[in-house]
C-alpha atoms as a PDB file:
ATOM      1  CA  MET A   1    -187.712  65.955 148.737  1.00  0.00           C
ATOM      2  CA  SER A   2    -188.500  69.089 146.808  1.00  0.00           C
ATOM      3  CA  LYS A   3    -188.615  68.631 143.022  1.00  0.00           C
ATOM      4  CA  GLU A   4    -187.145  72.117 142.465  1.00  0.00           C
ATOM      5  CA  ILE A   5    -183.572  70.969 142.940  1.00  0.00           C
ATOM      6  CA  ILE A   6    -182.520  71.249 139.366  1.00  0.00           C
ATOM      7  CA  THR A   7    -185.360  71.736 136.959  1.00  0.00           C
ATOM      8  CA  SER A   8    -184.363  74.829 135.023  1.00  0.00           C
ATOM      9  CA  ASN A   9    -183.714  74.463 131.355  1.00  0.00           C
ATOM     10  CA  THR A  10    -180.038  75.083 130.782  1.00  0.00           C
ATOM     11  CA  GLY A  11    -180.285  75.159 127.002  1.00  0.00           C
ATOM     12  CA  MET A  12    -178.002  72.079 126.611  1.00  0.00           C
ATOM     13  CA  PRO A  13    -178.321  69.652 123.720  1.00  0.00           C
ATOM     14  CA  ASN A  14    -180.500  66.712 124.720  1.00  0.00           C
ATOM     15  CA  PRO A  15    -177.785  64.184 125.503  1.00  0.00           C
ATOM     16  CA  TRP A  16    -175.860  66.662 127.721  1.00  0.00           C
ATOM     17  CA  LYS A  17    -179.091  67.942 129.285  1.00  0.00           C
ATOM     18  CA  ALA A  18    -180.024  64.411 130.441  1.00  0.00           C
ATOM     19  CA  LEU A  19    -176.456  63.694 131.662  1.00  0.00           C
ATOM     20  CA  TRP A  20    -176.042  66.908 133.580  1.00  0.00           C
ATOM     21  CA  ALA A  21    -179.625  66.985 134.986  1.00  0.00           C
ATOM     22  CA  THR A  22    -179.032  63.477 136.284  1.00  0.00           C
ATOM     23  CA  ALA A  23    -175.666  64.428 137.687  1.00  0.00           C
ATOM     24  CA  ALA A  24    -177.105  67.542 139.314  1.00  0.00           C
ATOM     25  CA  ILE A  25    -179.957  65.612 140.898  1.00  0.00           C
ATOM     26  CA  MET A  26    -177.503  62.949 142.147  1.00  0.00           C
ATOM     27  CA  PHE A  27    -175.302  65.737 143.517  1.00  0.00           C
ATOM     28  CA  SER A  28    -178.213  67.320 145.358  1.00  0.00           C
ATOM     29  CA  ALA A  29    -179.361  63.959 146.686  1.00  0.00           C
ATOM     30  CA  GLY A  30    -175.842  63.218 147.770  1.00  0.00           C
ATOM     31  CA  LEU A  31    -175.875  66.376 149.785  1.00  0.00           C
ATOM     32  CA  HIS A  32    -179.254  65.627 151.226  1.00  0.00           C
ATOM     33  CA  PRO A  33    -178.921  62.437 153.173  1.00  0.00           C
ATOM     34  CA  VAL A  34    -182.458  62.544 154.528  1.00  0.00           C
ATOM     35  CA  ALA A  35    -183.730  62.462 150.998  1.00  0.00           C
ATOM     36  CA  ALA A  36    -181.285  59.875 149.779  1.00  0.00           C
ATOM     37  CA  ASN A  37    -182.016  57.680 152.771  1.00  0.00           C
ATOM     38  CA  ALA A  38    -184.948  58.351 155.088  1.00  0.00           C
ATOM     39  CA  GLN A  39    -183.097  56.650 157.940  1.00  0.00           C
ATOM     40  CA  ALA A  40    -179.919  58.683 157.516  1.00  0.00           C
ATOM     41  CA  ASP A  41    -178.743  61.180 160.039  1.00  0.00           C
ATOM     42  CA  ALA A  42    -178.315  64.834 159.149  1.00  0.00           C
ATOM     43  CA  PRO A  43    -174.682  65.843 158.431  1.00  0.00           C
ATOM     44  CA  THR A  44    -172.547  66.755 161.390  1.00  0.00           C
ATOM     45  CA  ASP A  45    -170.410  69.944 161.408  1.00  0.00           C
ATOM     46  CA  PRO A  46    -167.224  67.909 160.622  1.00  0.00           C
ATOM     47  CA  GLN A  47    -169.097  66.252 157.724  1.00  0.00           C
ATOM     48  CA  ILE A  48    -170.363  69.644 156.520  1.00  0.00           C
ATOM     49  CA  VAL A  49    -166.776  70.889 156.441  1.00  0.00           C
ATOM     50  CA  GLY A  50    -165.874  67.759 154.542  1.00  0.00           C
ATOM     51  CA  ILE A  51    -168.649  68.274 151.997  1.00  0.00           C
ATOM     52  CA  VAL A  52    -167.821  72.013 151.500  1.00  0.00           C
ATOM     53  CA  SER A  53    -164.115  71.158 151.128  1.00  0.00           C
ATOM     54  CA  ALA A  54    -164.830  68.447 148.575  1.00  0.00           C
ATOM     55  CA  ALA A  55    -167.215  70.622 146.575  1.00  0.00           C
ATOM     56  CA  ASN A  56    -164.698  73.457 146.459  1.00  0.00           C
ATOM     57  CA  GLN A  57    -161.825  71.210 145.324  1.00  0.00           C
ATOM     58  CA  ILE A  58    -164.014  69.558 142.661  1.00  0.00           C
ATOM     59  CA  ASP A  59    -164.737  72.971 141.090  1.00  0.00           C
ATOM     60  CA  ILE A  60    -161.076  74.008 141.282  1.00  0.00           C
ATOM     61  CA  ASN A  61    -160.152  70.756 139.418  1.00  0.00           C
ATOM     62  CA  TYR A  62    -162.838  71.363 136.801  1.00  0.00           C
ATOM     63  CA  ALA A  63    -161.446  74.924 136.304  1.00  0.00           C
ATOM     64  CA  LYS A  64    -157.846  73.726 136.045  1.00  0.00           C
ATOM     65  CA  LEU A  65    -158.875  71.277 133.360  1.00  0.00           C
ATOM     66  CA  ALA A  66    -160.749  74.141 131.543  1.00  0.00           C
ATOM     67  CA  LEU A  67    -157.697  76.327 131.550  1.00  0.00           C
ATOM     68  CA  SER A  68    -155.637  73.551 130.089  1.00  0.00           C
ATOM     69  CA  LYS A  69    -158.169  72.812 127.289  1.00  0.00           C
ATOM     70  CA  THR A  70    -159.968  75.908 126.210  1.00  0.00           C
ATOM     71  CA  LYS A  71    -158.961  78.676 123.802  1.00  0.00           C
ATOM     72  CA  ASP A  72    -162.104  80.713 124.476  1.00  0.00           C
ATOM     73  CA  LYS A  73    -161.327  83.887 126.475  1.00  0.00           C
ATOM     74  CA  GLN A  74    -164.745  83.945 128.305  1.00  0.00           C
ATOM     75  CA  VAL A  75    -164.281  80.359 129.373  1.00  0.00           C
ATOM     76  CA  LYS A  76    -160.715  81.059 130.479  1.00  0.00           C
ATOM     77  CA  ASP A  77    -161.739  84.047 132.470  1.00  0.00           C
ATOM     78  CA  PHE A  78    -164.550  82.154 134.105  1.00  0.00           C
ATOM     79  CA  ALA A  79    -162.312  79.163 134.940  1.00  0.00           C
ATOM     80  CA  GLN A  80    -159.678  81.461 136.446  1.00  0.00           C
ATOM     81  CA  GLN A  81    -162.352  83.120 138.597  1.00  0.00           C
ATOM     82  CA  MET A  82    -163.387  79.644 139.836  1.00  0.00           C
ATOM     83  CA  ILE A  83    -159.832  78.801 140.872  1.00  0.00           C
ATOM     84  CA  THR A  84    -159.279  82.112 142.552  1.00  0.00           C
ATOM     85  CA  ASP A  85    -162.650  82.206 144.380  1.00  0.00           C
ATOM     86  CA  HIS A  86    -162.933  78.573 145.337  1.00  0.00           C
ATOM     87  CA  SER A  87    -159.280  78.535 146.531  1.00  0.00           C
ATOM     88  CA  SER A  88    -160.136  81.515 148.790  1.00  0.00           C
ATOM     89  CA  VAL A  89    -163.258  79.719 150.068  1.00  0.00           C
ATOM     90  CA  GLN A  90    -161.252  76.551 150.630  1.00  0.00           C
ATOM     91  CA  LYS A  91    -158.681  78.512 152.714  1.00  0.00           C
ATOM     92  CA  ALA A  92    -161.407  80.192 154.715  1.00  0.00           C
ATOM     93  CA  VAL A  93    -163.064  76.829 155.413  1.00  0.00           C
ATOM     94  CA  GLY A  94    -159.795  75.403 156.587  1.00  0.00           C
ATOM     95  CA  ASP A  95    -159.041  78.436 158.804  1.00  0.00           C
ATOM     96  CA  LEU A  96    -162.520  78.372 160.313  1.00  0.00           C
ATOM     97  CA  ALA A  97    -162.341  74.626 160.936  1.00  0.00           C
ATOM     98  CA  ALA A  98    -158.933  75.104 162.683  1.00  0.00           C
ATOM     99  CA  LYS A  99    -160.357  77.957 164.761  1.00  0.00           C
ATOM    100  CA  LEU A 100    -163.405  75.888 165.758  1.00  0.00           C
ATOM    101  CA  HIS A 101    -161.214  72.726 166.364  1.00  0.00           C
ATOM    102  CA  VAL A 102    -163.379  70.944 163.799  1.00  0.00           C
ATOM    103  CA  THR A 103    -161.588  68.243 161.725  1.00  0.00           C
ATOM    104  CA  SER A 104    -163.047  67.633 158.280  1.00  0.00           C
ATOM    105  CA  VAL A 105    -164.668  64.170 158.131  1.00  0.00           C
ATOM    106  CA  ASP A 106    -165.496  62.286 154.945  1.00  0.00           C
ATOM    107  CA  SER A 107    -169.162  61.113 154.603  1.00  0.00           C
ATOM    108  CA  GLY A 108    -171.238  59.265 152.170  1.00  0.00           C
ATOM    109  CA  SER A 109    -172.128  62.673 150.678  1.00  0.00           C
ATOM    110  CA  SER A 110    -168.563  63.874 150.225  1.00  0.00           C
ATOM    111  CA  ASN A 111    -167.484  60.545 148.881  1.00  0.00           C
ATOM    112  CA  SER A 112    -170.400  60.490 146.464  1.00  0.00           C
ATOM    113  CA  LEU A 113    -169.404  63.964 145.246  1.00  0.00           C
ATOM    114  CA  LYS A 114    -165.823  62.816 144.585  1.00  0.00           C
ATOM    115  CA  THR A 115    -166.965  59.758 142.640  1.00  0.00           C
ATOM    116  CA  GLN A 116    -169.375  61.754 140.526  1.00  0.00           C
ATOM    117  CA  ALA A 117    -166.595  64.344 139.952  1.00  0.00           C
ATOM    118  CA  GLN A 118    -164.263  61.664 138.658  1.00  0.00           C
ATOM    119  CA  GLN A 119    -166.854  60.530 136.147  1.00  0.00           C
ATOM    120  CA  THR A 120    -167.489  64.089 134.997  1.00  0.00           C
ATOM    121  CA  MET A 121    -163.831  64.755 134.646  1.00  0.00           C
ATOM    122  CA  GLN A 122    -163.389  61.661 132.486  1.00  0.00           C
ATOM    123  CA  LYS A 123    -166.221  62.810 130.244  1.00  0.00           C
ATOM    124  CA  LEU A 124    -164.760  66.392 129.979  1.00  0.00           C
ATOM    125  CA  GLN A 125    -161.273  65.109 129.310  1.00  0.00           C
ATOM    126  CA  GLY A 126    -162.608  63.276 126.282  1.00  0.00           C
ATOM    127  CA  LEU A 127    -163.845  66.493 124.691  1.00  0.00           C
ATOM    128  CA  LYS A 128    -162.048  69.309 122.880  1.00  0.00           C
ATOM    129  CA  GLY A 129    -162.768  72.643 121.291  1.00  0.00           C
ATOM    130  CA  LYS A 130    -166.250  74.080 121.442  1.00  0.00           C
ATOM    131  CA  ALA A 131    -167.719  70.743 122.597  1.00  0.00           C
ATOM    132  CA  PHE A 132    -165.519  70.892 125.655  1.00  0.00           C
ATOM    133  CA  ASP A 133    -166.335  74.574 126.330  1.00  0.00           C
ATOM    134  CA  LYS A 134    -170.019  73.947 126.196  1.00  0.00           C
ATOM    135  CA  ALA A 135    -169.888  70.792 128.308  1.00  0.00           C
ATOM    136  CA  TYR A 136    -167.702  72.567 130.963  1.00  0.00           C
ATOM    137  CA  VAL A 137    -169.905  75.612 131.214  1.00  0.00           C
ATOM    138  CA  ASP A 138    -173.137  73.606 131.174  1.00  0.00           C
ATOM    139  CA  ASN A 139    -171.703  71.480 134.023  1.00  0.00           C
ATOM    140  CA  GLU A 140    -170.752  74.691 135.957  1.00  0.00           C
ATOM    141  CA  VAL A 141    -174.363  75.986 135.675  1.00  0.00           C
ATOM    142  CA  ALA A 142    -175.816  72.737 136.948  1.00  0.00           C
ATOM    143  CA  TYR A 143    -173.063  72.323 139.588  1.00  0.00           C
ATOM    144  CA  HIS A 144    -173.614  75.808 141.067  1.00  0.00           C
ATOM    145  CA  GLN A 145    -177.368  75.432 141.044  1.00  0.00           C
ATOM    146  CA  ALA A 146    -176.941  72.144 143.041  1.00  0.00           C
ATOM    147  CA  VAL A 147    -174.419  73.738 145.396  1.00  0.00           C
ATOM    148  CA  ILE A 148    -176.584  76.682 146.128  1.00  0.00           C
ATOM    149  CA  ASN A 149    -179.632  74.532 146.700  1.00  0.00           C
ATOM    150  CA  ALA A 150    -177.785  72.122 148.944  1.00  0.00           C
ATOM    151  CA  THR A 151    -176.157  74.921 150.930  1.00  0.00           C
ATOM    152  CA  LYS A 152    -179.476  76.650 151.530  1.00  0.00           C
ATOM    153  CA  THR A 153    -181.619  73.599 152.212  1.00  0.00           C
ATOM    154  CA  VAL A 154    -179.223  71.164 153.944  1.00  0.00           C
ATOM    155  CA  LEU A 155    -175.897  72.564 155.018  1.00  0.00           C
ATOM    156  CA  ILE A 156    -177.073  75.908 156.542  1.00  0.00           C
ATOM    157  CA  PRO A 157    -180.078  74.402 158.415  1.00  0.00           C
ATOM    158  CA  GLU A 158    -177.986  71.431 159.713  1.00  0.00           C
ATOM    159  CA  ALA A 159    -174.882  73.371 160.797  1.00  0.00           C
ATOM    160  CA  GLN A 160    -174.806  73.371 164.601  1.00  0.00           C
ATOM    161  CA  ASN A 161    -171.995  75.909 165.055  1.00  0.00           C
ATOM    162  CA  ALA A 162    -173.176  79.467 164.572  1.00  0.00           C
ATOM    163  CA  GLU A 163    -169.935  80.648 162.948  1.00  0.00           C
ATOM    164  CA  LEU A 164    -170.001  77.731 160.488  1.00  0.00           C
ATOM    165  CA  ARG A 165    -173.619  78.523 159.696  1.00  0.00           C
ATOM    166  CA  SER A 166    -172.779  82.211 159.231  1.00  0.00           C
ATOM    167  CA  ALA A 167    -169.862  81.316 156.930  1.00  0.00           C
ATOM    168  CA  LEU A 168    -172.125  79.091 154.774  1.00  0.00           C
ATOM    169  CA  GLN A 169    -174.683  81.890 154.558  1.00  0.00           C
ATOM    170  CA  GLY A 170    -171.947  84.291 153.514  1.00  0.00           C
ATOM    171  CA  ALA A 171    -170.838  81.983 150.718  1.00  0.00           C
ATOM    172  CA  VAL A 172    -174.277  81.755 149.081  1.00  0.00           C
ATOM    173  CA  PRO A 173    -173.989  85.232 147.375  1.00  0.00           C
ATOM    174  CA  LEU A 174    -170.550  84.238 145.953  1.00  0.00           C
ATOM    175  CA  PHE A 175    -171.954  81.025 144.614  1.00  0.00           C
ATOM    176  CA  GLU A 176    -174.976  82.908 143.110  1.00  0.00           C
ATOM    177  CA  GLY A 177    -172.540  85.249 141.377  1.00  0.00           C
ATOM    178  CA  HIS A 178    -170.678  82.246 139.945  1.00  0.00           C
ATOM    179  CA  LEU A 179    -173.980  80.826 138.693  1.00  0.00           C
ATOM    180  CA  GLN A 180    -174.853  84.138 137.013  1.00  0.00           C
ATOM    181  CA  HIS A 181    -171.400  84.366 135.485  1.00  0.00           C
ATOM    182  CA  ALA A 182    -171.602  80.765 134.184  1.00  0.00           C
ATOM    183  CA  GLN A 183    -175.083  81.472 132.707  1.00  0.00           C
ATOM    184  CA  ARG A 184    -173.731  84.536 130.868  1.00  0.00           C
ATOM    185  CA  VAL A 185    -170.935  82.484 129.408  1.00  0.00           C
ATOM    186  CA  GLN A 186    -173.354  79.668 128.574  1.00  0.00           C
ATOM    187  CA  SER A 187    -175.614  82.146 126.798  1.00  0.00           C
ATOM    188  CA  ALA A 188    -172.693  83.533 124.790  1.00  0.00           C
ATOM    189  CA  LEU A 189    -171.645  80.050 123.769  1.00  0.00           C
ATOM    190  CA  ASP A 190    -175.226  79.015 122.901  1.00  0.00           C
ATOM    191  CA  GLY A 191    -175.692  82.229 120.824  1.00  0.00           C
ATOM    192  CA  GLY A 192    -172.474  81.730 118.955  1.00  0.00           C
ATOM    193  CA  GLY A 193    -171.023  84.714 120.800  1.00  0.00           C
ATOM    194  CA  LYS A 194    -167.392  85.782 120.539  1.00  0.00           C
ATOM    195  CA  SER A 195    -165.121  82.808 120.525  1.00  0.00           C
ATOM    196  CA  GLY A 196    -161.355  82.192 120.755  1.00  0.00           C
ATOM    197  CA  TYR A 197    -161.514  79.641 117.951  1.00  0.00           C
END
């Protein structure tokens, strides 16, 4: 397994850096069954749909929590974009799955994502103010890095249906845009940029 999955320095305080780096590596490993278990089979198209659906819903849930907790305009704007964009992707995935007669199937990867997301949500729910904002945005940076990597290195290569593969390829620039947006907000928060507090 490539060691490049999540190695960039996100500028997080040491306890958060360790937590999110671990979560991001687990996330990537969860989406890479061959790396997680040398005997495991590659994900099937129904499992890929399940993984994509789970990953989108997780980010929507994170964003809804952020909207309910933050007072920072940049964080609110980012969270609203995540809800809007990931809801659109979620609808597109559902429409494509229906068109292709593919029913979403849970897998070890999608179940692992959901379990990790519950743990992250619990940690985020326990924070408030600037500590919440920073943890949420740091998580979004790591999460999008992991999603982009897993999409490029696992989901796209393993997708058997050409339309599904094409849809995944088309989603990568959107996810990269989210990552760049999250990094800009992260930089502003780290630099003591304009805040709603």
